[in-house]
Amino acid sequence: MLPERIKNQAVYICAEISFTDDNRFQVVKKFLDVISKVFLT
């Protein structure tokens, strides 16, 4: 499990990116989905 602080930071960063660059947001979202599967399973 990732520490709560790191997860919150990741969510915040993704929210920032989504407003500036939708394509990059999709890449980061997919990356985070993979990370989540690795850490949460």
PDB file of N, CA and C in Angstrom:
ATOM      1  N   MET A   1       0.838  -1.205   0.000  1.00  0.00           N
ATOM      2  CA  MET A   1       0.000   0.000   0.000  1.00  0.00           C
ATOM      3  C   MET A   1       0.872   1.255   0.000  1.00  0.00           C
ATOM      4  N   LEU A   2       0.493   2.208  -0.819  1.00  0.00           N
ATOM      5  CA  LEU A   2       1.191   3.491  -0.812  1.00  0.00           C
ATOM      6  C   LEU A   2       0.724   4.317   0.377  1.00  0.00           C
ATOM      7  N   PRO A   3       1.622   5.082   0.966  1.00  0.00           N
ATOM      8  CA  PRO A   3       1.200   5.994   2.036  1.00  0.00           C
ATOM      9  C   PRO A   3       0.118   6.952   1.543  1.00  0.00           C
ATOM     10  N   GLU A   4      -0.795   7.324   2.442  1.00  0.00           N
ATOM     11  CA  GLU A   4      -1.921   8.184   2.060  1.00  0.00           C
ATOM     12  C   GLU A   4      -1.446   9.500   1.457  1.00  0.00           C
ATOM     13  N   ARG A   5      -0.383  10.051   2.013  1.00  0.00           N
ATOM     14  CA  ARG A   5       0.136  11.337   1.536  1.00  0.00           C
ATOM     15  C   ARG A   5       0.562  11.245   0.071  1.00  0.00           C
ATOM     16  N   ILE A   6       1.217  10.143  -0.287  1.00  0.00           N
ATOM     17  CA  ILE A   6       1.675   9.974  -1.667  1.00  0.00           C
ATOM     18  C   ILE A   6       0.482   9.816  -2.601  1.00  0.00           C
ATOM     19  N   LYS A   7      -0.519   9.051  -2.183  1.00  0.00           N
ATOM     20  CA  LYS A   7      -1.708   8.874  -3.011  1.00  0.00           C
ATOM     21  C   LYS A   7      -2.418  10.202  -3.222  1.00  0.00           C
ATOM     22  N   ASN A   8      -2.552  10.992  -2.163  1.00  0.00           N
ATOM     23  CA  ASN A   8      -3.199  12.295  -2.283  1.00  0.00           C
ATOM     24  C   ASN A   8      -2.428  13.201  -3.232  1.00  0.00           C
ATOM     25  N   GLN A   9      -1.113  13.166  -3.144  1.00  0.00           N
ATOM     26  CA  GLN A   9      -0.268  13.968  -4.028  1.00  0.00           C
ATOM     27  C   GLN A   9      -0.459  13.543  -5.479  1.00  0.00           C
ATOM     28  N   ALA A  10      -0.517  12.238  -5.700  1.00  0.00           N
ATOM     29  CA  ALA A  10      -0.707  11.725  -7.055  1.00  0.00           C
ATOM     30  C   ALA A  10      -2.044  12.183  -7.625  1.00  0.00           C
ATOM     31  N   VAL A  11      -3.093  12.120  -6.799  1.00  0.00           N
ATOM     32  CA  VAL A  11      -4.414  12.571  -7.244  1.00  0.00           C
ATOM     33  C   VAL A  11      -4.381  14.057  -7.577  1.00  0.00           C
ATOM     34  N   TYR A  12      -3.715  14.839  -6.728  1.00  0.00           N
ATOM     35  CA  TYR A  12      -3.617  16.284  -6.948  1.00  0.00           C
ATOM     36  C   TYR A  12      -2.890  16.582  -8.257  1.00  0.00           C
ATOM     37  N   ILE A  13      -1.772  15.896  -8.483  1.00  0.00           N
ATOM     38  CA  ILE A  13      -0.995  16.093  -9.704  1.00  0.00           C
ATOM     39  C   ILE A  13      -1.838  15.738 -10.925  1.00  0.00           C
ATOM     40  N   CYS A  14      -2.562  14.627 -10.855  1.00  0.00           N
ATOM     41  CA  CYS A  14      -3.397  14.214 -11.980  1.00  0.00           C
ATOM     42  C   CYS A  14      -4.479  15.247 -12.265  1.00  0.00           C
ATOM     43  N   ALA A  15      -5.055  15.808 -11.208  1.00  0.00           N
ATOM     44  CA  ALA A  15      -6.080  16.830 -11.391  1.00  0.00           C
ATOM     45  C   ALA A  15      -5.490  18.053 -12.090  1.00  0.00           C
ATOM     46  N   GLU A  16      -4.282  18.437 -11.696  1.00  0.00           N
ATOM     47  CA  GLU A  16      -3.595  19.566 -12.326  1.00  0.00           C
ATOM     48  C   GLU A  16      -3.340  19.274 -13.806  1.00  0.00           C
ATOM     49  N   ILE A  17      -2.831  18.087 -14.096  1.00  0.00           N
ATOM     50  CA  ILE A  17      -2.485  17.728 -15.468  1.00  0.00           C
ATOM     51  C   ILE A  17      -3.731  17.697 -16.350  1.00  0.00           C
ATOM     52  N   SER A  18      -4.846  17.214 -15.797  1.00  0.00           N
ATOM     53  CA  SER A  18      -6.058  17.053 -16.598  1.00  0.00           C
ATOM     54  C   SER A  18      -6.544  18.387 -17.154  1.00  0.00           C
ATOM     55  N   PHE A  19      -6.238  19.476 -16.445  1.00  0.00           N
ATOM     56  CA  PHE A  19      -6.669  20.785 -16.912  1.00  0.00           C
ATOM     57  C   PHE A  19      -5.732  21.345 -17.982  1.00  0.00           C
ATOM     58  N   THR A  20      -4.507  20.841 -18.034  1.00  0.00           N
ATOM     59  CA  THR A  20      -3.521  21.422 -18.937  1.00  0.00           C
ATOM     60  C   THR A  20      -3.293  20.573 -20.182  1.00  0.00           C
ATOM     61  N   ASP A  21      -3.377  19.252 -20.041  1.00  0.00           N
ATOM     62  CA  ASP A  21      -3.009  18.383 -21.161  1.00  0.00           C
ATOM     63  C   ASP A  21      -3.754  17.060 -21.046  1.00  0.00           C
ATOM     64  N   ASP A  22      -4.853  16.932 -21.775  1.00  0.00           N
ATOM     65  CA  ASP A  22      -5.691  15.738 -21.673  1.00  0.00           C
ATOM     66  C   ASP A  22      -4.948  14.476 -22.078  1.00  0.00           C
ATOM     67  N   ASN A  23      -4.098  14.567 -23.114  1.00  0.00           N
ATOM     68  CA  ASN A  23      -3.382  13.377 -23.560  1.00  0.00           C
ATOM     69  C   ASN A  23      -2.427  12.877 -22.493  1.00  0.00           C
ATOM     70  N   ARG A  24      -1.691  13.807 -21.894  1.00  0.00           N
ATOM     71  CA  ARG A  24      -0.753  13.419 -20.851  1.00  0.00           C
ATOM     72  C   ARG A  24      -1.520  12.852 -19.653  1.00  0.00           C
ATOM     73  N   PHE A  25      -2.686  13.444 -19.375  1.00  0.00           N
ATOM     74  CA  PHE A  25      -3.512  12.955 -18.274  1.00  0.00           C
ATOM     75  C   PHE A  25      -3.890  11.491 -18.495  1.00  0.00           C
ATOM     76  N   GLN A  26      -4.263  11.157 -19.722  1.00  0.00           N
ATOM     77  CA  GLN A  26      -4.631   9.768 -20.016  1.00  0.00           C
ATOM     78  C   GLN A  26      -3.455   8.830 -19.776  1.00  0.00           C
ATOM     79  N   VAL A  27      -2.263   9.256 -20.172  1.00  0.00           N
ATOM     80  CA  VAL A  27      -1.068   8.435 -19.963  1.00  0.00           C
ATOM     81  C   VAL A  27      -0.808   8.244 -18.478  1.00  0.00           C
ATOM     82  N   VAL A  28      -0.867   9.340 -17.726  1.00  0.00           N
ATOM     83  CA  VAL A  28      -0.611   9.258 -16.288  1.00  0.00           C
ATOM     84  C   VAL A  28      -1.668   8.405 -15.607  1.00  0.00           C
ATOM     85  N   LYS A  29      -2.920   8.555 -16.025  1.00  0.00           N
ATOM     86  CA  LYS A  29      -4.004   7.777 -15.432  1.00  0.00           C
ATOM     87  C   LYS A  29      -3.755   6.285 -15.651  1.00  0.00           C
ATOM     88  N   LYS A  30      -3.363   5.927 -16.868  1.00  0.00           N
ATOM     89  CA  LYS A  30      -3.092   4.527 -17.168  1.00  0.00           C
ATOM     90  C   LYS A  30      -1.916   4.026 -16.338  1.00  0.00           C
ATOM     91  N   PHE A  31      -0.884   4.860 -16.217  1.00  0.00           N
ATOM     92  CA  PHE A  31       0.280   4.515 -15.404  1.00  0.00           C
ATOM     93  C   PHE A  31      -0.126   4.287 -13.955  1.00  0.00           C
ATOM     94  N   LEU A  32      -0.957   5.187 -13.416  1.00  0.00           N
ATOM     95  CA  LEU A  32      -1.396   5.046 -12.029  1.00  0.00           C
ATOM     96  C   LEU A  32      -2.273   3.817 -11.843  1.00  0.00           C
ATOM     97  N   ASP A  33      -3.068   3.476 -12.848  1.00  0.00           N
ATOM     98  CA  ASP A  33      -3.879   2.260 -12.756  1.00  0.00           C
ATOM     99  C   ASP A  33      -2.988   1.036 -12.610  1.00  0.00           C
ATOM    100  N   VAL A  34      -1.897   1.006 -13.380  1.00  0.00           N
ATOM    101  CA  VAL A  34      -0.950  -0.111 -13.286  1.00  0.00           C
ATOM    102  C   VAL A  34      -0.293  -0.133 -11.915  1.00  0.00           C
ATOM    103  N   ILE A  35       0.167   1.027 -11.456  1.00  0.00           N
ATOM    104  CA  ILE A  35       0.780   1.124 -10.129  1.00  0.00           C
ATOM    105  C   ILE A  35      -0.186   0.651  -9.052  1.00  0.00           C
ATOM    106  N   SER A  36      -1.442   1.073  -9.168  1.00  0.00           N
ATOM    107  CA  SER A  36      -2.449   0.679  -8.179  1.00  0.00           C
ATOM    108  C   SER A  36      -2.602  -0.834  -8.134  1.00  0.00           C
ATOM    109  N   LYS A  37      -2.655  -1.463  -9.302  1.00  0.00           N
ATOM    110  CA  LYS A  37      -2.799  -2.916  -9.340  1.00  0.00           C
ATOM    111  C   LYS A  37      -1.609  -3.596  -8.679  1.00  0.00           C
ATOM    112  N   VAL A  38      -0.419  -3.049  -8.909  1.00  0.00           N
ATOM    113  CA  VAL A  38       0.787  -3.641  -8.320  1.00  0.00           C
ATOM    114  C   VAL A  38       0.767  -3.518  -6.802  1.00  0.00           C
ATOM    115  N   PHE A  39       0.417  -2.327  -6.307  1.00  0.00           N
ATOM    116  CA  PHE A  39       0.514  -2.076  -4.868  1.00  0.00           C
ATOM    117  C   PHE A  39      -0.692  -2.578  -4.086  1.00  0.00           C
ATOM    118  N   LEU A  40      -1.860  -2.623  -4.719  1.00  0.00           N
ATOM    119  CA  LEU A  40      -3.089  -2.918  -3.980  1.00  0.00           C
ATOM    120  C   LEU A  40      -3.493  -4.383  -4.056  1.00  0.00           C
ATOM    121  N   THR A  41      -2.756  -5.203  -4.806  1.00  0.00           N
ATOM    122  CA  THR A  41      -3.116  -6.620  -4.904  1.00  0.00           C
ATOM    123  C   THR A  41      -2.177  -7.472  -4.082  1.00  0.00           C
TER     124      THR A  41
END
